[in-house]
Amino acid sequence: GENLATSTAAVSTTTWPTTLGGVTVLVNGRAVPLHSVSAGQINFQVPAATPAGNATAEVRLSGAASAAFSFSVV
């Protein structure tokens, strides 16, 4: 991706936040845990309770939302 975050940030704890460096990722409308964010990449965890099949994700940076995109959960 491009311009996904305005800075680089990563967690150093076992508990991952749902907002990191002003970035939030929503999967099927729910905020998910983030491990690291940068302008070109976001590492996040899809919760185990997310059903298999098609899902949507959206990136929010300081309140501005990206277009939602689809991906498969297997």
Foldseek 3Di string as FASTA:
>chain_A
DAQLAPAKDFDPDPDFDQADRQKHKDKQHHTFGWGIDDRVDTDTDDDPPDDFAKIWMWMAGNRDIDDIDIDTDD
